[in-house]
Amino acid sequence: RNVRQLKAVGRETAQLQNQMWTTVQANASAKPTP
């Protein structure tokens, strides 16, 4: 419920999204398979 903590969680969520996408994208670029 706390707005300040919510902003911190939003930043951490965005960082995790970037890490997950970077990892998957790197693997797909190295092995472009179905």
All heavy atoms as atom14 arrays in JSON, in Angstrom:
{
  "sequence": "RNVRQLKAVGRETAQLQNQMWTTVQANASAKPTP",
  "atom14_mask": [
    [1, 1, 1, 1, 1, 1, 1, 1, 1, 1, 1, 0, 0, 0],
    [1, 1, 1, 1, 1, 1, 1, 1, 0, 0, 0, 0, 0, 0],
    [1, 1, 1, 1, 1, 1, 1, 0, 0, 0, 0, 0, 0, 0],
    [1, 1, 1, 1, 1, 1, 1, 1, 1, 1, 1, 0, 0, 0],
    [1, 1, 1, 1, 1, 1, 1, 1, 1, 0, 0, 0, 0, 0],
    [1, 1, 1, 1, 1, 1, 1, 1, 0, 0, 0, 0, 0, 0],
    [1, 1, 1, 1, 1, 1, 1, 1, 1, 0, 0, 0, 0, 0],
    [1, 1, 1, 1, 1, 0, 0, 0, 0, 0, 0, 0, 0, 0],
    [1, 1, 1, 1, 1, 1, 1, 0, 0, 0, 0, 0, 0, 0],
    [1, 1, 1, 1, 0, 0, 0, 0, 0, 0, 0, 0, 0, 0],
    [1, 1, 1, 1, 1, 1, 1, 1, 1, 1, 1, 0, 0, 0],
    [1, 1, 1, 1, 1, 1, 1, 1, 1, 0, 0, 0, 0, 0],
    [1, 1, 1, 1, 1, 1, 1, 0, 0, 0, 0, 0, 0, 0],
    [1, 1, 1, 1, 1, 0, 0, 0, 0, 0, 0, 0, 0, 0],
    [1, 1, 1, 1, 1, 1, 1, 1, 1, 0, 0, 0, 0, 0],
    [1, 1, 1, 1, 1, 1, 1, 1, 0, 0, 0, 0, 0, 0],
    [1, 1, 1, 1, 1, 1, 1, 1, 1, 0, 0, 0, 0, 0],
    [1, 1, 1, 1, 1, 1, 1, 1, 0, 0, 0, 0, 0, 0],
    [1, 1, 1, 1, 1, 1, 1, 1, 1, 0, 0, 0, 0, 0],
    [1, 1, 1, 1, 1, 1, 1, 1, 0, 0, 0, 0, 0, 0],
    [1, 1, 1, 1, 1, 1, 1, 1, 1, 1, 1, 1, 1, 1],
    [1, 1, 1, 1, 1, 1, 1, 0, 0, 0, 0, 0, 0, 0],
    [1, 1, 1, 1, 1, 1, 1, 0, 0, 0, 0, 0, 0, 0],
    [1, 1, 1, 1, 1, 1, 1, 0, 0, 0, 0, 0, 0, 0],
    [1, 1, 1, 1, 1, 1, 1, 1, 1, 0, 0, 0, 0, 0],
    [1, 1, 1, 1, 1, 0, 0, 0, 0, 0, 0, 0, 0, 0],
    [1, 1, 1, 1, 1, 1, 1, 1, 0, 0, 0, 0, 0, 0],
    [1, 1, 1, 1, 1, 0, 0, 0, 0, 0, 0, 0, 0, 0],
    [1, 1, 1, 1, 1, 1, 0, 0, 0, 0, 0, 0, 0, 0],
    [1, 1, 1, 1, 1, 0, 0, 0, 0, 0, 0, 0, 0, 0],
    [1, 1, 1, 1, 1, 1, 1, 1, 1, 0, 0, 0, 0, 0],
    [1, 1, 1, 1, 1, 1, 1, 0, 0, 0, 0, 0, 0, 0],
    [1, 1, 1, 1, 1, 1, 1, 0, 0, 0, 0, 0, 0, 0],
    [1, 1, 1, 1, 1, 1, 1, 0, 0, 0, 0, 0, 0, 0]
  ],
  "atom14_positions": [
    [[0.81, -1.21, 0.0], [0.0, 0.0, 0.0], [0.85, 1.27, 0.0], [0.39, 2.31, -0.45], [-0.91, 0.03, 1.23], [-2.01, -1.02, 1.21], [-2.96, -0.81, 2.36], [-3.99, -1.83, 2.41], [-5.28, -1.58, 2.61], [-5.69, -0.34, 2.74], [-6.16, -2.55, 2.66], [0.0, 0.0, 0.0], [0.0, 0.0, 0.0], [0.0, 0.0, 0.0]],
    [[2.05, 1.18, 0.52], [2.91, 2.35, 0.61], [3.4, 2.77, -0.76], [3.96, 1.96, -1.51], [4.1, 2.03, 1.53], [4.96, 3.25, 1.8], [5.8, 3.61, 1.0], [4.73, 3.88, 2.94], [0.0, 0.0, 0.0], [0.0, 0.0, 0.0], [0.0, 0.0, 0.0], [0.0, 0.0, 0.0], [0.0, 0.0, 0.0], [0.0, 0.0, 0.0]],
    [[3.19, 4.05, -1.1], [3.54, 4.54, -2.43], [5.04, 4.53, -2.65], [5.53, 4.17, -3.73], [2.96, 5.96, -2.64], [3.38, 6.52, -3.98], [1.44, 5.94, -2.51], [0.0, 0.0, 0.0], [0.0, 0.0, 0.0], [0.0, 0.0, 0.0], [0.0, 0.0, 0.0], [0.0, 0.0, 0.0], [0.0, 0.0, 0.0], [0.0, 0.0, 0.0]],
    [[5.81, 4.9, -1.64], [7.27, 4.95, -1.79], [7.83, 3.55, -2.01], [8.67, 3.35, -2.89], [7.89, 5.59, -0.55], [9.4, 5.75, -0.63], [9.94, 6.48, 0.59], [9.33, 7.81, 0.72], [9.57, 8.63, 1.73], [10.4, 8.25, 2.71], [9.0, 9.81, 1.78], [0.0, 0.0, 0.0], [0.0, 0.0, 0.0], [0.0, 0.0, 0.0]],
    [[7.36, 2.58, -1.25], [7.8, 1.21, -1.45], [7.35, 0.67, -2.8], [8.05, -0.13, -3.43], [7.27, 0.33, -0.32], [7.83, 0.68, 1.04], [7.22, -0.17, 2.15], [6.34, -0.97, 1.9], [7.69, 0.04, 3.38], [0.0, 0.0, 0.0], [0.0, 0.0, 0.0], [0.0, 0.0, 0.0], [0.0, 0.0, 0.0], [0.0, 0.0, 0.0]],
    [[6.18, 1.12, -3.25], [5.67, 0.67, -4.55], [6.58, 1.12, -5.68], [6.83, 0.38, -6.62], [4.25, 1.21, -4.75], [3.55, 0.8, -6.05], [3.35, -0.71, -6.09], [2.22, 1.51, -6.18], [0.0, 0.0, 0.0], [0.0, 0.0, 0.0], [0.0, 0.0, 0.0], [0.0, 0.0, 0.0], [0.0, 0.0, 0.0], [0.0, 0.0, 0.0]],
    [[7.1, 2.35, -5.59], [8.02, 2.84, -6.62], [9.3, 2.02, -6.62], [9.85, 1.71, -7.7], [8.33, 4.31, -6.37], [7.14, 5.24, -6.6], [7.53, 6.7, -6.36], [6.35, 7.62, -6.62], [6.69, 9.06, -6.37], [0.0, 0.0, 0.0], [0.0, 0.0, 0.0], [0.0, 0.0, 0.0], [0.0, 0.0, 0.0], [0.0, 0.0, 0.0]],
    [[9.79, 1.65, -5.43], [11.0, 0.83, -5.36], [10.76, -0.54, -5.97], [11.62, -1.07, -6.71], [11.45, 0.69, -3.91], [0.0, 0.0, 0.0], [0.0, 0.0, 0.0], [0.0, 0.0, 0.0], [0.0, 0.0, 0.0], [0.0, 0.0, 0.0], [0.0, 0.0, 0.0], [0.0, 0.0, 0.0], [0.0, 0.0, 0.0], [0.0, 0.0, 0.0]],
    [[9.61, -1.12, -5.69], [9.28, -2.42, -6.28], [9.17, -2.31, -7.79], [9.58, -3.22, -8.53], [7.97, -2.95, -5.67], [7.47, -4.19, -6.42], [8.16, -3.3, -4.2], [0.0, 0.0, 0.0], [0.0, 0.0, 0.0], [0.0, 0.0, 0.0], [0.0, 0.0, 0.0], [0.0, 0.0, 0.0], [0.0, 0.0, 0.0], [0.0, 0.0, 0.0]],
    [[8.63, -1.19, -8.28], [8.52, -0.99, -9.72], [9.89, -0.95, -10.38], [10.09, -1.52, -11.47], [0.0, 0.0, 0.0], [0.0, 0.0, 0.0], [0.0, 0.0, 0.0], [0.0, 0.0, 0.0], [0.0, 0.0, 0.0], [0.0, 0.0, 0.0], [0.0, 0.0, 0.0], [0.0, 0.0, 0.0], [0.0, 0.0, 0.0], [0.0, 0.0, 0.0]],
    [[10.84, -0.27, -9.75], [12.2, -0.21, -10.32], [12.85, -1.59, -10.31], [13.5, -1.98, -11.3], [13.04, 0.79, -9.52], [12.64, 2.25, -9.72], [13.68, 3.17, -9.13], [13.79, 3.01, -7.68], [13.11, 3.73, -6.8], [12.27, 4.67, -7.22], [13.26, 3.53, -5.5], [0.0, 0.0, 0.0], [0.0, 0.0, 0.0], [0.0, 0.0, 0.0]],
    [[12.69, -2.34, -9.22], [13.28, -3.68, -9.14], [12.63, -4.62, -10.16], [13.31, -5.46, -10.76], [13.11, -4.22, -7.72], [13.91, -3.44, -6.68], [13.52, -3.82, -5.26], [12.63, -4.69, -5.12], [14.11, -3.28, -4.31], [0.0, 0.0, 0.0], [0.0, 0.0, 0.0], [0.0, 0.0, 0.0], [0.0, 0.0, 0.0], [0.0, 0.0, 0.0]],
    [[11.33, -4.46, -10.37], [10.64, -5.29, -11.36], [11.17, -5.01, -12.76], [11.4, -5.92, -13.56], [9.13, -5.03, -11.31], [8.64, -5.34, -9.99], [8.39, -5.88, -12.32], [0.0, 0.0, 0.0], [0.0, 0.0, 0.0], [0.0, 0.0, 0.0], [0.0, 0.0, 0.0], [0.0, 0.0, 0.0], [0.0, 0.0, 0.0], [0.0, 0.0, 0.0]],
    [[11.38, -3.73, -13.08], [11.91, -3.37, -14.4], [13.32, -3.93, -14.6], [13.65, -4.4, -15.7], [11.91, -1.86, -14.55], [0.0, 0.0, 0.0], [0.0, 0.0, 0.0], [0.0, 0.0, 0.0], [0.0, 0.0, 0.0], [0.0, 0.0, 0.0], [0.0, 0.0, 0.0], [0.0, 0.0, 0.0], [0.0, 0.0, 0.0], [0.0, 0.0, 0.0]],
    [[14.14, -3.92, -13.55], [15.49, -4.48, -13.66], [15.45, -5.98, -13.91], [16.2, -6.5, -14.75], [16.27, -4.18, -12.38], [16.58, -2.7, -12.18], [17.22, -2.42, -10.83], [17.44, -3.33, -10.03], [17.51, -1.15, -10.58], [0.0, 0.0, 0.0], [0.0, 0.0, 0.0], [0.0, 0.0, 0.0], [0.0, 0.0, 0.0], [0.0, 0.0, 0.0]],
    [[14.54, -6.67, -13.21], [14.41, -8.12, -13.43], [13.92, -8.42, -14.84], [14.37, -9.38, -15.47], [13.45, -8.71, -12.39], [13.98, -8.81, -10.96], [12.86, -9.21, -10.0], [15.1, -9.84, -10.88], [0.0, 0.0, 0.0], [0.0, 0.0, 0.0], [0.0, 0.0, 0.0], [0.0, 0.0, 0.0], [0.0, 0.0, 0.0], [0.0, 0.0, 0.0]],
    [[13.01, -7.6, -15.34], [12.53, -7.8, -16.7], [13.66, -7.65, -17.71], [13.76, -8.44, -18.66], [11.41, -6.81, -17.0], [10.1, -7.11, -16.29], [9.04, -6.05, -16.57], [9.35, -4.91, -16.9], [7.78, -6.43, -16.42], [0.0, 0.0, 0.0], [0.0, 0.0, 0.0], [0.0, 0.0, 0.0], [0.0, 0.0, 0.0], [0.0, 0.0, 0.0]],
    [[14.5, -6.65, -17.51], [15.63, -6.45, -18.41], [16.6, -7.63, -18.36], [17.1, -8.09, -19.4], [16.37, -5.16, -18.06], [15.55, -3.92, -18.37], [14.71, -3.92, -19.27], [15.78, -2.85, -17.63], [0.0, 0.0, 0.0], [0.0, 0.0, 0.0], [0.0, 0.0, 0.0], [0.0, 0.0, 0.0], [0.0, 0.0, 0.0], [0.0, 0.0, 0.0]],
    [[16.86, -8.14, -17.16], [17.77, -9.28, -17.02], [17.21, -10.53, -17.68], [17.93, -11.26, -18.38], [18.05, -9.54, -15.54], [18.82, -8.44, -14.85], [19.0, -8.71, -13.36], [19.02, -9.85, -12.92], [19.12, -7.65, -12.58], [0.0, 0.0, 0.0], [0.0, 0.0, 0.0], [0.0, 0.0, 0.0], [0.0, 0.0, 0.0], [0.0, 0.0, 0.0]],
    [[15.92, -10.79, -17.48], [15.31, -11.98, -18.08], [15.31, -11.88, -19.6], [15.62, -12.84, -20.3], [13.87, -12.15, -17.55], [13.79, -12.54, -16.09], [12.1, -12.95, -15.55], [11.25, -11.38, -15.81], [0.0, 0.0, 0.0], [0.0, 0.0, 0.0], [0.0, 0.0, 0.0], [0.0, 0.0, 0.0], [0.0, 0.0, 0.0], [0.0, 0.0, 0.0]],
    [[14.94, -10.71, -20.11], [14.9, -10.56, -21.56], [16.28, -10.64, -22.18], [16.46, -11.24, -23.24], [14.24, -9.23, -21.91], [14.13, -9.01, -23.39], [14.91, -8.19, -24.17], [13.23, -9.66, -24.28], [14.53, -8.27, -25.48], [13.49, -9.17, -25.58], [12.21, -10.6, -24.09], [12.79, -9.6, -26.69], [11.5, -11.02, -25.2], [11.78, -10.53, -26.49]],
    [[17.29, -10.06, -21.52], [18.65, -10.11, -22.03], [19.16, -11.55, -22.09], [19.79, -11.96, -23.08], [19.58, -9.27, -21.14], [19.13, -7.91, -21.14], [21.01, -9.32, -21.66], [0.0, 0.0, 0.0], [0.0, 0.0, 0.0], [0.0, 0.0, 0.0], [0.0, 0.0, 0.0], [0.0, 0.0, 0.0], [0.0, 0.0, 0.0], [0.0, 0.0, 0.0]],
    [[18.86, -12.32, -21.05], [19.31, -13.72, -21.02], [18.65, -14.54, -22.12], [19.32, -15.3, -22.85], [19.0, -14.34, -19.65], [19.61, -13.56, -18.62], [19.51, -15.77, -19.57], [0.0, 0.0, 0.0], [0.0, 0.0, 0.0], [0.0, 0.0, 0.0], [0.0, 0.0, 0.0], [0.0, 0.0, 0.0], [0.0, 0.0, 0.0], [0.0, 0.0, 0.0]],
    [[17.36, -14.39, -22.28], [16.64, -15.16, -23.3], [17.05, -14.72, -24.7], [17.23, -15.55, -25.6], [15.12, -14.99, -23.09], [14.35, -15.59, -24.25], [14.68, -15.64, -21.79], [0.0, 0.0, 0.0], [0.0, 0.0, 0.0], [0.0, 0.0, 0.0], [0.0, 0.0, 0.0], [0.0, 0.0, 0.0], [0.0, 0.0, 0.0], [0.0, 0.0, 0.0]],
    [[17.22, -13.41, -24.88], [17.59, -12.89, -26.19], [18.99, -13.36, -26.6], [19.23, -13.72, -27.77], [17.53, -11.36, -26.17], [17.77, -10.72, -27.53], [17.78, -9.2, -27.44], [18.23, -8.65, -26.44], [17.27, -8.53, -28.47], [0.0, 0.0, 0.0], [0.0, 0.0, 0.0], [0.0, 0.0, 0.0], [0.0, 0.0, 0.0], [0.0, 0.0, 0.0]],
    [[19.93, -13.38, -25.65], [21.28, -13.83, -25.95], [21.29, -15.3, -26.35], [21.99, -15.71, -27.28], [22.18, -13.61, -24.73], [0.0, 0.0, 0.0], [0.0, 0.0, 0.0], [0.0, 0.0, 0.0], [0.0, 0.0, 0.0], [0.0, 0.0, 0.0], [0.0, 0.0, 0.0], [0.0, 0.0, 0.0], [0.0, 0.0, 0.0], [0.0, 0.0, 0.0]],
    [[20.5, -16.11, -25.65], [20.43, -17.53, -25.98], [19.81, -17.75, -27.35], [20.26, -18.59, -28.13], [19.64, -18.27, -24.9], [19.7, -19.78, -25.05], [19.04, -20.35, -25.91], [20.5, -20.42, -24.21], [0.0, 0.0, 0.0], [0.0, 0.0, 0.0], [0.0, 0.0, 0.0], [0.0, 0.0, 0.0], [0.0, 0.0, 0.0], [0.0, 0.0, 0.0]],
    [[18.76, -16.97, -27.65], [18.1, -17.11, -28.95], [18.99, -16.65, -30.08], [18.95, -17.21, -31.19], [16.8, -16.31, -28.95], [0.0, 0.0, 0.0], [0.0, 0.0, 0.0], [0.0, 0.0, 0.0], [0.0, 0.0, 0.0], [0.0, 0.0, 0.0], [0.0, 0.0, 0.0], [0.0, 0.0, 0.0], [0.0, 0.0, 0.0], [0.0, 0.0, 0.0]],
    [[19.83, -15.63, -29.84], [20.74, -15.16, -30.88], [21.84, -16.18, -31.15], [22.27, -16.36, -32.3], [21.37, -13.82, -30.46], [20.36, -12.83, -30.28], [0.0, 0.0, 0.0], [0.0, 0.0, 0.0], [0.0, 0.0, 0.0], [0.0, 0.0, 0.0], [0.0, 0.0, 0.0], [0.0, 0.0, 0.0], [0.0, 0.0, 0.0], [0.0, 0.0, 0.0]],
    [[22.28, -16.85, -30.07], [23.33, -17.87, -30.24], [22.78, -19.14, -30.87], [23.49, -19.81, -31.62], [23.97, -18.17, -28.9], [0.0, 0.0, 0.0], [0.0, 0.0, 0.0], [0.0, 0.0, 0.0], [0.0, 0.0, 0.0], [0.0, 0.0, 0.0], [0.0, 0.0, 0.0], [0.0, 0.0, 0.0], [0.0, 0.0, 0.0], [0.0, 0.0, 0.0]],
    [[21.52, -19.46, -30.56], [20.9, -20.69, -31.08], [19.53, -20.33, -31.67], [18.5, -20.54, -31.02], [20.74, -21.73, -29.97], [22.05, -22.1, -29.28], [21.78, -23.04, -28.12], [23.05, -23.38, -27.37], [22.78, -24.25, -26.19], [0.0, 0.0, 0.0], [0.0, 0.0, 0.0], [0.0, 0.0, 0.0], [0.0, 0.0, 0.0], [0.0, 0.0, 0.0]],
    [[19.47, -19.78, -32.85], [18.19, -19.38, -33.44], [17.4, -20.59, -33.95], [17.43, -20.92, -35.14], [18.62, -18.45, -34.58], [19.98, -18.91, -34.95], [20.62, -19.42, -33.71], [0.0, 0.0, 0.0], [0.0, 0.0, 0.0], [0.0, 0.0, 0.0], [0.0, 0.0, 0.0], [0.0, 0.0, 0.0], [0.0, 0.0, 0.0], [0.0, 0.0, 0.0]],
    [[16.7, -21.24, -33.05], [15.9, -22.42, -33.39], [14.45, -22.16, -33.0], [14.16, -21.24, -32.23], [16.44, -23.66, -32.64], [16.26, -23.45, -31.23], [17.92, -23.89, -32.95], [0.0, 0.0, 0.0], [0.0, 0.0, 0.0], [0.0, 0.0, 0.0], [0.0, 0.0, 0.0], [0.0, 0.0, 0.0], [0.0, 0.0, 0.0], [0.0, 0.0, 0.0]],
    [[13.51, -22.97, -33.51], [12.11, -22.82, -33.1], [11.9, -22.99, -31.6], [10.99, -22.39, -31.02], [11.39, -23.93, -33.89], [12.26, -24.15, -35.09], [13.67, -23.94, -34.61], [0.0, 0.0, 0.0], [0.0, 0.0, 0.0], [0.0, 0.0, 0.0], [0.0, 0.0, 0.0], [0.0, 0.0, 0.0], [0.0, 0.0, 0.0], [0.0, 0.0, 0.0]]
  ]
}
